N, C-alpha and C. Protein backbone atom coordinates (compact mmCIF):
# COMPACT_ATOMS: atom_id res chain seq x y z
N MET A 1 41.26 13.24 15.25
CA MET A 1 39.97 12.68 15.70
C MET A 1 39.16 13.84 15.58
N ILE A 2 37.80 13.43 15.25
CA ILE A 2 36.47 14.44 14.70
C ILE A 2 35.76 14.29 16.26
N HIS A 3 35.31 15.07 16.57
CA HIS A 3 34.24 15.58 17.98
C HIS A 3 32.98 15.74 17.25
N LEU A 4 32.03 14.54 17.48
CA LEU A 4 30.76 14.34 16.72
C LEU A 4 29.55 14.86 17.78
N LYS A 5 30.11 14.88 19.27
CA LYS A 5 28.75 15.27 20.16
C LYS A 5 28.03 16.36 19.85
N GLY A 6 28.79 17.30 19.27
CA GLY A 6 27.86 18.45 19.21
C GLY A 6 26.95 18.37 17.84
N ILE A 7 27.20 17.31 16.97
CA ILE A 7 26.33 17.15 15.65
C ILE A 7 25.35 16.18 16.24
N LEU A 8 25.75 14.96 16.86
CA LEU A 8 24.61 13.85 17.14
C LEU A 8 23.35 14.54 17.88
N VAL A 9 23.49 15.19 18.88
CA VAL A 9 22.55 15.45 19.57
C VAL A 9 21.43 16.35 19.13
N PRO A 10 21.82 17.68 18.27
CA PRO A 10 20.76 18.20 17.59
C PRO A 10 20.22 17.30 16.33
N LEU A 11 21.00 16.58 15.76
CA LEU A 11 20.38 15.77 14.77
C LEU A 11 19.29 14.50 15.33
N ALA A 12 19.95 14.18 16.47
CA ALA A 12 18.88 12.97 17.12
C ALA A 12 17.73 13.64 17.66
N SER A 13 17.83 14.84 18.16
CA SER A 13 16.40 15.35 18.61
C SER A 13 15.55 15.96 17.26
N LEU A 14 16.50 16.35 16.10
CA LEU A 14 15.71 16.54 15.14
C LEU A 14 14.76 15.42 14.71
N LEU A 15 15.51 14.51 14.46
CA LEU A 15 14.75 13.32 13.97
C LEU A 15 13.78 12.57 14.71
N LEU A 16 14.05 12.71 16.08
CA LEU A 16 13.03 11.98 16.94
C LEU A 16 11.84 13.04 16.85
N GLY A 17 11.82 13.94 17.05
CA GLY A 17 10.71 15.35 16.82
C GLY A 17 9.92 15.38 15.55
N CYS A 18 10.59 14.54 14.66
CA CYS A 18 9.58 14.62 13.48
C CYS A 18 8.42 13.40 13.55
N ALA A 19 7.59 13.78 13.17
CA ALA A 19 6.25 12.90 13.23
C ALA A 19 6.41 12.10 11.55
N PRO A 20 6.08 11.00 11.38
CA PRO A 20 5.99 10.14 10.34
C PRO A 20 5.28 10.78 9.27
N ALA A 21 5.63 10.82 8.30
CA ALA A 21 4.70 11.22 7.09
C ALA A 21 3.58 10.57 6.59
N PRO A 22 2.64 10.87 6.40
CA PRO A 22 1.29 9.96 6.02
C PRO A 22 1.41 9.09 4.77
N PRO A 23 1.15 8.09 4.55
CA PRO A 23 1.18 7.16 3.27
C PRO A 23 0.88 7.92 2.31
N PRO A 24 1.81 7.96 1.16
CA PRO A 24 1.12 8.71 0.11
C PRO A 24 -0.11 8.01 -0.39
N GLU A 25 -0.74 8.63 -1.30
CA GLU A 25 -2.01 8.18 -1.73
C GLU A 25 -1.59 7.04 -2.87
N PRO A 26 -2.37 6.16 -3.00
CA PRO A 26 -2.01 4.98 -4.14
C PRO A 26 -2.16 5.54 -5.39
N PRO A 27 -1.47 5.39 -6.24
CA PRO A 27 -1.62 5.86 -8.06
C PRO A 27 -3.05 5.16 -8.54
N ILE A 28 -3.58 5.95 -9.17
CA ILE A 28 -4.67 5.12 -10.06
C ILE A 28 -4.23 4.58 -11.13
N VAL A 29 -3.96 3.40 -11.26
CA VAL A 29 -3.51 2.45 -12.24
C VAL A 29 -4.57 1.95 -13.06
N PRO A 30 -4.82 1.96 -14.19
CA PRO A 30 -5.89 1.56 -14.99
C PRO A 30 -5.46 0.08 -14.92
N SER A 31 -6.96 -0.84 -14.82
CA SER A 31 -6.73 -2.25 -14.47
C SER A 31 -5.86 -2.86 -16.10
N ASP A 32 -4.93 -3.94 -16.11
CA ASP A 32 -4.63 -4.58 -16.94
C ASP A 32 -5.83 -5.17 -18.14
N ARG A 33 -6.62 -5.37 -17.37
CA ARG A 33 -7.84 -5.98 -18.06
C ARG A 33 -8.66 -4.80 -19.00
N GLY A 34 -8.52 -3.45 -18.56
CA GLY A 34 -9.13 -2.43 -19.44
C GLY A 34 -10.58 -2.40 -18.80
N GLU A 35 -10.73 -2.84 -17.33
CA GLU A 35 -12.25 -2.71 -16.90
C GLU A 35 -12.03 -1.61 -15.43
N THR A 36 -13.14 -1.37 -14.96
CA THR A 36 -13.31 -0.52 -13.96
C THR A 36 -14.08 -1.59 -12.96
N THR A 37 -13.52 -1.61 -11.74
CA THR A 37 -14.24 -2.72 -10.38
C THR A 37 -14.68 -1.56 -9.64
N VAL A 38 -16.07 -1.60 -9.52
CA VAL A 38 -16.98 -0.78 -8.22
C VAL A 38 -17.33 -1.64 -7.38
N TYR A 39 -16.93 -1.40 -5.73
CA TYR A 39 -17.83 -2.06 -4.30
C TYR A 39 -18.60 -0.74 -4.41
N ILE A 40 -19.74 -1.27 -4.11
CA ILE A 40 -21.06 -0.36 -3.66
C ILE A 40 -21.36 -0.84 -2.52
N VAL A 41 -21.35 0.06 -1.18
CA VAL A 41 -22.22 -0.49 0.11
C VAL A 41 -23.00 1.01 0.46
N ARG A 42 -23.93 0.42 1.03
CA ARG A 42 -24.39 1.32 2.17
C ARG A 42 -23.70 1.67 3.29
N HIS A 43 -23.77 3.10 3.79
CA HIS A 43 -23.27 3.15 4.98
C HIS A 43 -23.50 1.97 6.30
N ALA A 44 -22.78 2.02 7.15
CA ALA A 44 -22.93 1.06 8.04
C ALA A 44 -24.02 1.57 9.13
N GLU A 45 -24.52 0.71 10.05
CA GLU A 45 -25.59 1.13 11.27
C GLU A 45 -25.28 2.50 11.90
N LYS A 46 -26.18 3.50 11.63
CA LYS A 46 -25.94 4.78 12.15
C LYS A 46 -26.37 4.92 13.92
N ALA A 47 -25.70 5.95 14.60
CA ALA A 47 -26.50 6.28 15.75
C ALA A 47 -27.76 6.95 15.72
N THR A 48 -28.29 6.79 17.02
CA THR A 48 -29.92 7.75 16.99
C THR A 48 -29.78 9.37 17.39
N GLU A 49 -28.51 9.34 17.99
CA GLU A 49 -28.26 11.11 18.00
C GLU A 49 -28.10 11.50 16.67
N ASN A 50 -28.53 13.09 16.87
CA ASN A 50 -28.38 13.89 15.63
C ASN A 50 -28.87 13.48 14.64
N PRO A 51 -30.19 13.00 14.23
CA PRO A 51 -31.00 12.31 13.30
C PRO A 51 -30.46 12.96 11.82
N SER A 52 -30.40 14.51 11.80
CA SER A 52 -29.85 15.08 10.44
C SER A 52 -28.63 14.66 10.17
N ASP A 53 -27.68 14.47 10.79
CA ASP A 53 -26.41 13.82 10.39
C ASP A 53 -25.75 13.21 11.32
N PRO A 54 -26.31 11.62 11.60
CA PRO A 54 -25.71 10.81 12.69
C PRO A 54 -24.33 10.14 12.38
N GLU A 55 -23.79 9.85 13.45
CA GLU A 55 -22.25 9.28 13.45
C GLU A 55 -22.71 7.72 13.11
N LEU A 56 -21.97 6.78 13.24
CA LEU A 56 -21.95 5.31 13.48
C LEU A 56 -22.30 4.95 14.71
N SER A 57 -23.21 4.02 14.79
CA SER A 57 -23.20 3.15 16.32
C SER A 57 -22.20 2.35 16.53
N GLY A 58 -21.92 1.74 17.92
CA GLY A 58 -20.91 0.81 17.92
C GLY A 58 -20.89 -0.43 16.70
N SER A 59 -22.28 -0.75 16.53
CA SER A 59 -22.38 -1.84 15.55
C SER A 59 -21.89 -1.19 14.03
N GLY A 60 -21.82 0.17 13.88
CA GLY A 60 -21.46 0.61 12.57
C GLY A 60 -19.81 0.62 12.40
N PHE A 61 -19.35 1.01 13.66
CA PHE A 61 -18.05 1.11 13.68
C PHE A 61 -17.35 -0.23 13.44
N ALA A 62 -17.93 -1.16 14.18
CA ALA A 62 -17.53 -2.90 13.91
C ALA A 62 -17.97 -3.27 12.06
N ARG A 63 -18.69 -2.50 11.60
CA ARG A 63 -18.99 -3.04 10.01
C ARG A 63 -18.22 -2.30 9.67
N ALA A 64 -17.72 -0.98 9.71
CA ALA A 64 -16.62 -0.35 8.90
C ALA A 64 -15.26 -0.52 8.91
N ASP A 65 -14.97 -1.54 10.30
CA ASP A 65 -13.88 -2.40 10.22
C ASP A 65 -13.74 -3.39 9.33
N SER A 66 -14.91 -4.16 9.37
CA SER A 66 -14.88 -5.41 8.56
C SER A 66 -14.88 -4.95 7.15
N LEU A 67 -15.41 -3.99 6.88
CA LEU A 67 -15.07 -3.78 5.60
C LEU A 67 -13.91 -3.53 4.87
N ALA A 68 -13.04 -2.61 6.06
CA ALA A 68 -11.64 -2.57 5.59
C ALA A 68 -11.00 -3.75 5.72
N THR A 69 -11.13 -4.72 6.64
CA THR A 69 -10.49 -5.96 6.46
C THR A 69 -11.08 -6.92 5.15
N GLN A 70 -12.19 -6.85 4.86
CA GLN A 70 -12.63 -7.66 3.65
C GLN A 70 -11.76 -6.89 2.16
N LEU A 71 -11.74 -5.77 2.36
CA LEU A 71 -11.23 -4.98 0.93
C LEU A 71 -10.12 -4.59 1.16
N ARG A 72 -9.21 -4.95 1.91
CA ARG A 72 -7.49 -4.54 2.23
C ARG A 72 -6.99 -4.88 1.14
N GLU A 73 -7.02 -6.12 0.20
CA GLU A 73 -6.34 -6.61 -0.60
C GLU A 73 -6.85 -6.49 -2.29
N ALA A 74 -8.18 -5.67 -2.07
CA ALA A 74 -8.91 -5.52 -3.54
C ALA A 74 -8.29 -4.66 -4.50
N GLY A 75 -7.26 -3.50 -3.75
CA GLY A 75 -6.88 -2.87 -4.68
C GLY A 75 -7.31 -1.65 -4.89
N ILE A 76 -8.35 -1.30 -3.74
CA ILE A 76 -8.96 -0.15 -4.05
C ILE A 76 -7.95 1.21 -4.18
N ASN A 77 -8.36 2.04 -5.17
CA ASN A 77 -7.38 3.11 -5.18
C ASN A 77 -8.44 4.52 -5.30
N VAL A 78 -9.51 4.61 -5.25
CA VAL A 78 -10.75 5.56 -5.27
C VAL A 78 -11.82 5.18 -4.45
N ILE A 79 -12.01 6.14 -3.46
CA ILE A 79 -13.13 5.91 -2.58
C ILE A 79 -14.02 7.21 -2.89
N ILE A 80 -15.37 6.66 -2.96
CA ILE A 80 -16.33 8.19 -3.20
C ILE A 80 -17.22 7.96 -1.84
N THR A 81 -17.92 9.11 -1.26
CA THR A 81 -18.73 9.14 -0.26
C THR A 81 -19.59 10.22 -0.60
N THR A 82 -20.33 10.67 0.51
CA THR A 82 -21.25 11.81 0.60
C THR A 82 -20.55 12.44 1.52
N GLN A 83 -21.25 13.68 1.96
CA GLN A 83 -20.65 14.77 2.79
C GLN A 83 -21.11 14.07 4.18
N LEU A 84 -22.20 13.16 4.39
CA LEU A 84 -22.69 13.08 5.56
C LEU A 84 -21.59 12.14 6.34
N LYS A 85 -21.90 12.12 7.67
CA LYS A 85 -21.00 11.60 8.82
C LYS A 85 -20.98 10.09 8.55
N ARG A 86 -22.19 9.32 8.29
CA ARG A 86 -22.44 7.99 8.23
C ARG A 86 -21.57 7.63 6.98
N THR A 87 -21.56 8.08 6.06
CA THR A 87 -20.67 7.42 4.85
C THR A 87 -19.22 7.51 4.91
N VAL A 88 -18.77 8.94 5.46
CA VAL A 88 -17.47 9.22 5.69
C VAL A 88 -16.69 8.37 6.65
N LEU A 89 -17.69 7.91 7.94
CA LEU A 89 -16.74 7.13 8.98
C LEU A 89 -16.86 5.91 8.39
N THR A 90 -17.99 5.12 7.43
CA THR A 90 -18.04 3.80 7.10
C THR A 90 -16.52 3.76 6.41
N ALA A 91 -16.41 4.83 5.37
CA ALA A 91 -14.97 4.34 4.30
C ALA A 91 -13.75 4.77 5.35
N ARG A 92 -13.79 5.32 6.41
CA ARG A 92 -12.55 5.91 7.09
C ARG A 92 -11.48 4.72 7.40
N PRO A 93 -11.92 3.70 7.86
CA PRO A 93 -10.88 2.75 8.16
C PRO A 93 -9.98 2.23 7.06
N LEU A 94 -10.89 1.98 5.64
CA LEU A 94 -10.18 1.64 4.50
C LEU A 94 -9.46 2.78 3.82
N ALA A 95 -9.79 3.83 4.09
CA ALA A 95 -9.54 4.90 3.34
C ALA A 95 -7.92 4.97 4.10
N ARG A 96 -7.83 5.34 5.51
CA ARG A 96 -6.79 4.92 6.16
C ARG A 96 -5.80 4.01 6.00
N LEU A 97 -6.21 3.03 5.91
CA LEU A 97 -5.52 1.74 5.68
C LEU A 97 -4.61 1.63 4.38
N ARG A 98 -5.40 2.35 3.09
CA ARG A 98 -4.87 2.44 1.54
C ARG A 98 -4.41 3.76 1.54
N GLY A 99 -4.62 4.76 2.46
CA GLY A 99 -3.79 6.34 2.34
C GLY A 99 -4.63 6.96 1.32
N ILE A 100 -6.09 6.96 1.23
CA ILE A 100 -6.73 7.51 -0.04
C ILE A 100 -7.68 8.58 0.73
N THR A 101 -7.51 9.80 0.15
CA THR A 101 -8.39 10.88 0.70
C THR A 101 -9.65 10.86 -0.28
N PRO A 102 -11.04 10.23 0.34
CA PRO A 102 -12.31 10.19 -0.49
C PRO A 102 -12.61 11.55 -1.19
N GLU A 103 -12.99 10.81 -2.44
CA GLU A 103 -13.71 11.76 -2.87
C GLU A 103 -15.29 12.35 -2.60
N VAL A 104 -15.73 13.46 -2.19
CA VAL A 104 -17.10 13.64 -1.70
C VAL A 104 -17.91 14.35 -2.72
N VAL A 105 -18.93 13.23 -3.20
CA VAL A 105 -20.15 13.97 -4.02
C VAL A 105 -21.34 14.10 -3.03
N PRO A 106 -21.67 15.40 -2.82
CA PRO A 106 -22.58 15.86 -1.99
C PRO A 106 -23.98 15.46 -2.36
N THR A 107 -24.92 14.76 -1.25
CA THR A 107 -26.42 14.58 -1.28
C THR A 107 -27.13 15.56 -2.06
N SER A 108 -26.71 16.93 -1.49
CA SER A 108 -27.33 18.22 -2.00
C SER A 108 -27.19 18.54 -3.38
N ALA A 109 -26.39 17.70 -4.26
CA ALA A 109 -26.29 18.16 -5.38
C ALA A 109 -27.17 17.42 -6.43
N PRO A 110 -27.54 18.40 -7.30
CA PRO A 110 -28.45 17.90 -8.28
C PRO A 110 -28.31 16.81 -9.05
N ALA A 111 -29.26 15.90 -9.35
CA ALA A 111 -29.01 14.45 -9.67
C ALA A 111 -27.95 13.87 -8.87
N HIS A 112 -27.95 13.42 -7.75
CA HIS A 112 -26.72 12.95 -7.08
C HIS A 112 -26.44 11.57 -7.44
N VAL A 113 -27.14 10.86 -7.88
CA VAL A 113 -26.77 9.59 -8.31
C VAL A 113 -26.12 9.60 -9.81
N ASP A 114 -26.38 10.72 -10.47
CA ASP A 114 -25.86 10.79 -11.82
C ASP A 114 -24.45 11.45 -11.37
N SER A 115 -24.17 12.37 -10.51
CA SER A 115 -22.96 12.65 -9.95
C SER A 115 -22.42 11.60 -9.29
N VAL A 116 -22.18 10.74 -8.74
CA VAL A 116 -21.81 9.41 -8.32
C VAL A 116 -21.15 8.71 -9.46
N VAL A 117 -22.09 8.44 -10.40
CA VAL A 117 -21.72 7.87 -11.57
C VAL A 117 -20.87 8.57 -12.52
N ALA A 118 -20.99 10.04 -12.59
CA ALA A 118 -19.88 10.55 -13.30
C ALA A 118 -18.27 10.80 -12.62
N ALA A 119 -18.57 10.43 -11.32
CA ALA A 119 -17.34 10.35 -10.27
C ALA A 119 -16.57 9.10 -10.86
N VAL A 120 -17.73 7.95 -10.60
CA VAL A 120 -16.96 6.78 -11.04
C VAL A 120 -16.20 6.61 -12.62
N ASN A 121 -16.72 7.40 -13.45
CA ASN A 121 -16.62 7.11 -15.22
C ASN A 121 -15.17 8.16 -15.17
N ARG A 122 -15.03 9.00 -14.40
CA ARG A 122 -13.77 10.08 -14.39
C ARG A 122 -12.57 8.80 -13.94
N HIS A 123 -12.79 7.76 -13.46
CA HIS A 123 -11.52 6.83 -13.06
C HIS A 123 -11.67 5.64 -13.56
N PRO A 124 -11.58 5.43 -15.18
CA PRO A 124 -11.65 4.03 -15.86
C PRO A 124 -10.35 3.48 -15.66
N GLY A 125 -10.62 2.04 -15.17
CA GLY A 125 -9.71 1.19 -15.13
C GLY A 125 -9.41 1.33 -13.48
N ALA A 126 -10.09 2.03 -12.61
CA ALA A 126 -9.52 2.00 -11.20
C ALA A 126 -10.65 0.91 -10.87
N THR A 127 -10.28 0.70 -9.26
CA THR A 127 -10.88 -0.22 -8.26
C THR A 127 -11.28 0.99 -7.52
N ILE A 128 -12.74 1.07 -7.41
CA ILE A 128 -13.40 2.03 -6.68
C ILE A 128 -14.28 1.47 -5.44
N LEU A 129 -14.20 2.32 -4.09
CA LEU A 129 -15.11 1.97 -3.57
C LEU A 129 -16.31 3.00 -3.06
N VAL A 130 -17.79 3.05 -3.21
CA VAL A 130 -18.70 3.90 -3.51
C VAL A 130 -19.46 3.45 -2.15
N VAL A 131 -19.73 4.42 -1.32
CA VAL A 131 -20.36 4.28 -0.17
C VAL A 131 -21.48 5.43 -0.03
N GLY A 132 -22.86 4.92 -0.24
CA GLY A 132 -24.18 5.53 -0.50
C GLY A 132 -25.08 5.25 0.49
N HIS A 133 -26.24 5.51 0.37
CA HIS A 133 -27.44 5.43 1.29
C HIS A 133 -28.60 4.24 0.46
N SER A 134 -29.46 3.96 1.59
CA SER A 134 -30.33 2.96 1.08
C SER A 134 -31.10 3.32 0.07
N ASN A 135 -31.19 4.41 -0.10
CA ASN A 135 -32.11 4.99 -1.41
C ASN A 135 -31.45 5.38 -2.57
N THR A 136 -30.01 5.20 -2.24
CA THR A 136 -28.94 5.43 -3.67
C THR A 136 -28.40 4.48 -4.32
N VAL A 137 -28.21 3.39 -3.35
CA VAL A 137 -27.15 2.16 -3.65
C VAL A 137 -27.53 1.66 -4.98
N GLY A 138 -28.84 1.00 -5.02
CA GLY A 138 -29.40 0.35 -5.75
C GLY A 138 -29.40 1.17 -7.56
N HIS A 139 -29.63 2.45 -7.19
CA HIS A 139 -29.71 3.35 -8.26
C HIS A 139 -28.41 3.58 -8.85
N ILE A 140 -27.64 3.38 -8.17
CA ILE A 140 -26.02 3.84 -8.41
C ILE A 140 -25.72 2.56 -9.34
N ALA A 141 -25.86 1.44 -9.08
CA ALA A 141 -25.84 0.25 -9.53
C ALA A 141 -26.23 0.24 -10.70
N ARG A 142 -27.68 0.41 -10.69
CA ARG A 142 -28.42 0.40 -11.99
C ARG A 142 -27.89 1.22 -13.24
N LYS A 143 -27.59 2.67 -12.69
CA LYS A 143 -27.15 3.43 -13.80
C LYS A 143 -25.63 3.04 -14.26
N LEU A 144 -24.83 2.37 -13.54
CA LEU A 144 -23.44 1.64 -14.01
C LEU A 144 -23.64 0.35 -14.71
N GLY A 145 -24.82 0.20 -15.01
CA GLY A 145 -25.01 -0.99 -16.00
C GLY A 145 -25.50 -2.24 -15.22
N GLY A 146 -25.84 -2.29 -13.91
CA GLY A 146 -26.23 -3.58 -13.37
C GLY A 146 -27.55 -3.86 -13.09
N ASP A 147 -27.61 -4.72 -12.39
CA ASP A 147 -29.29 -4.99 -12.27
C ASP A 147 -30.23 -4.47 -11.56
N ALA A 148 -31.61 -4.20 -11.76
CA ALA A 148 -32.44 -3.18 -10.94
C ALA A 148 -33.05 -3.84 -9.26
N ILE A 149 -32.43 -3.25 -8.64
CA ILE A 149 -32.58 -3.56 -7.02
C ILE A 149 -33.48 -2.93 -6.64
N GLY A 150 -33.57 -1.60 -7.05
CA GLY A 150 -34.32 -0.18 -5.95
C GLY A 150 -33.45 -0.18 -4.80
N ASP A 151 -34.52 0.34 -3.95
CA ASP A 151 -34.06 1.05 -2.72
C ASP A 151 -33.79 -0.20 -1.58
N LEU A 152 -32.95 -0.37 -0.50
CA LEU A 152 -32.47 -0.89 0.28
C LEU A 152 -33.47 -1.05 1.58
N CYS A 153 -33.74 -1.92 2.01
CA CYS A 153 -34.81 -1.89 3.19
C CYS A 153 -33.94 -0.96 4.62
N ASP A 154 -34.54 -0.72 5.41
CA ASP A 154 -34.16 0.26 6.43
C ASP A 154 -33.09 -0.56 7.28
N HIS A 155 -33.38 -1.91 7.44
CA HIS A 155 -32.40 -2.79 8.57
C HIS A 155 -30.88 -3.27 7.37
N GLU A 156 -31.31 -3.22 5.99
CA GLU A 156 -30.01 -3.80 5.18
C GLU A 156 -28.57 -2.81 5.21
N TYR A 157 -27.79 -3.55 5.80
CA TYR A 157 -26.34 -2.88 5.76
C TYR A 157 -25.25 -3.79 5.19
N SER A 158 -25.46 -5.25 5.39
CA SER A 158 -24.32 -6.17 4.87
C SER A 158 -23.98 -6.30 3.45
N ASN A 159 -25.08 -5.71 2.39
CA ASN A 159 -24.84 -5.97 1.15
C ASN A 159 -23.64 -5.23 0.59
N LEU A 160 -22.64 -6.12 -0.17
CA LEU A 160 -21.63 -5.65 -1.20
C LEU A 160 -21.60 -5.67 -2.49
N ILE A 161 -22.13 -5.04 -2.88
CA ILE A 161 -22.54 -5.14 -4.64
C ILE A 161 -21.06 -4.84 -5.27
N ILE A 162 -20.57 -5.75 -6.09
CA ILE A 162 -19.47 -5.78 -7.08
C ILE A 162 -19.61 -5.77 -8.32
N MET A 163 -19.38 -5.07 -8.97
CA MET A 163 -19.61 -4.53 -10.52
C MET A 163 -17.99 -4.39 -11.16
N SER A 164 -18.15 -5.46 -12.06
CA SER A 164 -16.99 -5.19 -13.06
C SER A 164 -17.45 -4.73 -14.49
N ILE A 165 -16.99 -3.37 -14.55
CA ILE A 165 -17.50 -2.97 -16.01
C ILE A 165 -16.07 -3.09 -17.02
N PRO A 166 -16.30 -3.88 -17.65
CA PRO A 166 -15.38 -3.70 -19.02
C PRO A 166 -15.60 -2.72 -19.90
N ARG A 167 -14.68 -2.35 -20.72
CA ARG A 167 -14.81 -1.63 -21.81
C ARG A 167 -15.30 -2.29 -22.83
N GLY A 168 -16.52 -1.67 -23.54
CA GLY A 168 -16.99 -1.95 -24.59
C GLY A 168 -17.72 -3.14 -24.41
N LYS A 169 -18.19 -4.06 -23.05
CA LYS A 169 -18.91 -5.18 -23.01
C LYS A 169 -19.93 -5.18 -21.77
N PRO A 170 -20.76 -5.82 -21.70
CA PRO A 170 -21.83 -5.76 -20.65
C PRO A 170 -21.35 -5.88 -18.94
N THR A 171 -21.74 -4.93 -18.33
CA THR A 171 -21.32 -5.16 -16.97
C THR A 171 -21.87 -6.15 -16.32
N ASN A 172 -20.77 -6.59 -15.41
CA ASN A 172 -21.30 -7.69 -14.56
C ASN A 172 -21.64 -7.36 -13.14
N MET A 173 -22.51 -7.89 -12.45
CA MET A 173 -22.72 -7.55 -10.98
C MET A 173 -22.95 -8.70 -10.35
N LEU A 174 -22.38 -8.73 -9.22
CA LEU A 174 -22.37 -9.54 -8.06
C LEU A 174 -23.03 -9.17 -6.59
N VAL A 175 -23.55 -9.63 -6.06
CA VAL A 175 -24.06 -8.93 -4.51
C VAL A 175 -23.58 -10.06 -3.50
N GLU A 176 -22.91 -9.75 -2.67
CA GLU A 176 -22.08 -10.50 -1.57
C GLU A 176 -22.35 -9.99 -0.37
N LYS A 177 -22.11 -10.42 0.67
CA LYS A 177 -22.37 -10.22 2.05
C LYS A 177 -21.07 -9.77 2.78
N TYR A 178 -20.83 -8.36 3.56
CA TYR A 178 -19.70 -8.42 4.26
C TYR A 178 -20.16 -8.25 5.83
N GLY A 179 -19.23 -8.35 6.91
CA GLY A 179 -19.59 -8.07 8.15
C GLY A 179 -20.59 -8.96 8.81
N PRO A 180 -21.10 -8.62 9.82
CA PRO A 180 -22.23 -9.50 10.57
C PRO A 180 -23.61 -9.14 9.66
N PRO A 181 -24.51 -10.27 10.26
CA PRO A 181 -25.65 -10.16 9.35
C PRO A 181 -26.54 -9.08 9.65
N ASN A 182 -27.34 -8.88 8.71
CA ASN A 182 -28.24 -7.79 9.08
C ASN A 182 -28.99 -7.66 10.55
N PRO A 183 -29.53 -6.62 10.75
CA PRO A 183 -30.12 -6.81 12.37
C PRO A 183 -31.60 -7.31 11.75
N PRO A 184 -32.45 -7.90 12.93
CA PRO A 184 -33.87 -8.49 12.26
C PRO A 184 -34.56 -7.18 11.74
N SER A 185 -35.48 -7.64 10.85
CA SER A 185 -36.32 -6.61 10.06
C SER A 185 -37.35 -6.07 11.07
N LYS A 186 -37.71 -4.88 11.30
CA LYS A 186 -38.83 -4.23 11.98
C LYS A 186 -39.72 -3.82 11.21
N ASP A 187 -39.94 -4.26 9.86
CA ASP A 187 -41.25 -3.82 9.00
C ASP A 187 -41.07 -5.08 7.85
N SER A 188 -41.75 -4.91 6.96
CA SER A 188 -42.29 -5.82 5.85
C SER A 188 -41.45 -5.81 4.52
N CYS A 189 -40.26 -5.06 4.75
CA CYS A 189 -39.44 -4.93 3.40
C CYS A 189 -38.75 -6.17 3.50
N VAL A 190 -38.65 -6.60 1.93
CA VAL A 190 -37.78 -7.61 1.62
C VAL A 190 -36.42 -7.42 1.35
N PRO A 191 -35.63 -7.74 2.07
CA PRO A 191 -34.02 -7.57 1.60
C PRO A 191 -33.97 -8.03 0.17
N ILE A 192 -32.39 -7.32 -0.44
CA ILE A 192 -32.03 -8.26 -1.84
C ILE A 192 -31.39 -9.77 -1.23
N SER A 193 -32.15 -10.31 -2.10
CA SER A 193 -31.86 -12.09 -2.03
C SER A 193 -30.85 -12.49 -2.96
N ARG A 194 -29.67 -12.67 -2.76
CA ARG A 194 -28.87 -13.27 -4.19
C ARG A 194 -28.15 -14.36 -3.69
């Protein structure tokens, strides 16, 4: 008869004391169609504290969660943010869900928009989420071959720009909405209408 008591107790405590490993990052697998898909959003609603680098407000955290819910099955395998908390926190729920460490393109980089476009172009065939700012989202879309939409209004947070970039063909761009509707406008800025 084999006596296992002395083996099972240390083995059980070893197994119970181990934290589960984080999910592996999904591999970047080129699309079968040879195209890159890019989802571009502005960061979610920001809090009023710390104006130089605010976190998200309660509404912003809810919007970030809704983004993760909407894109959970989209096959996102690359996420690009800036270094600022509001973009990082907007991407965080989806990044955790998909096991992705976002690539950070600092806003202080010379020609920030060009740097984001270069980051996208480093992942041909990938499905990418880019989280930007009101004054960069439209310019990133344009440089990727989309329509000219310019800067977003200060109250615009619900736009989800979807770009299909096939190899050797024109880019297709669609503007959808996600999460709750935009808050009411406090100025005369006209939001994107699609």
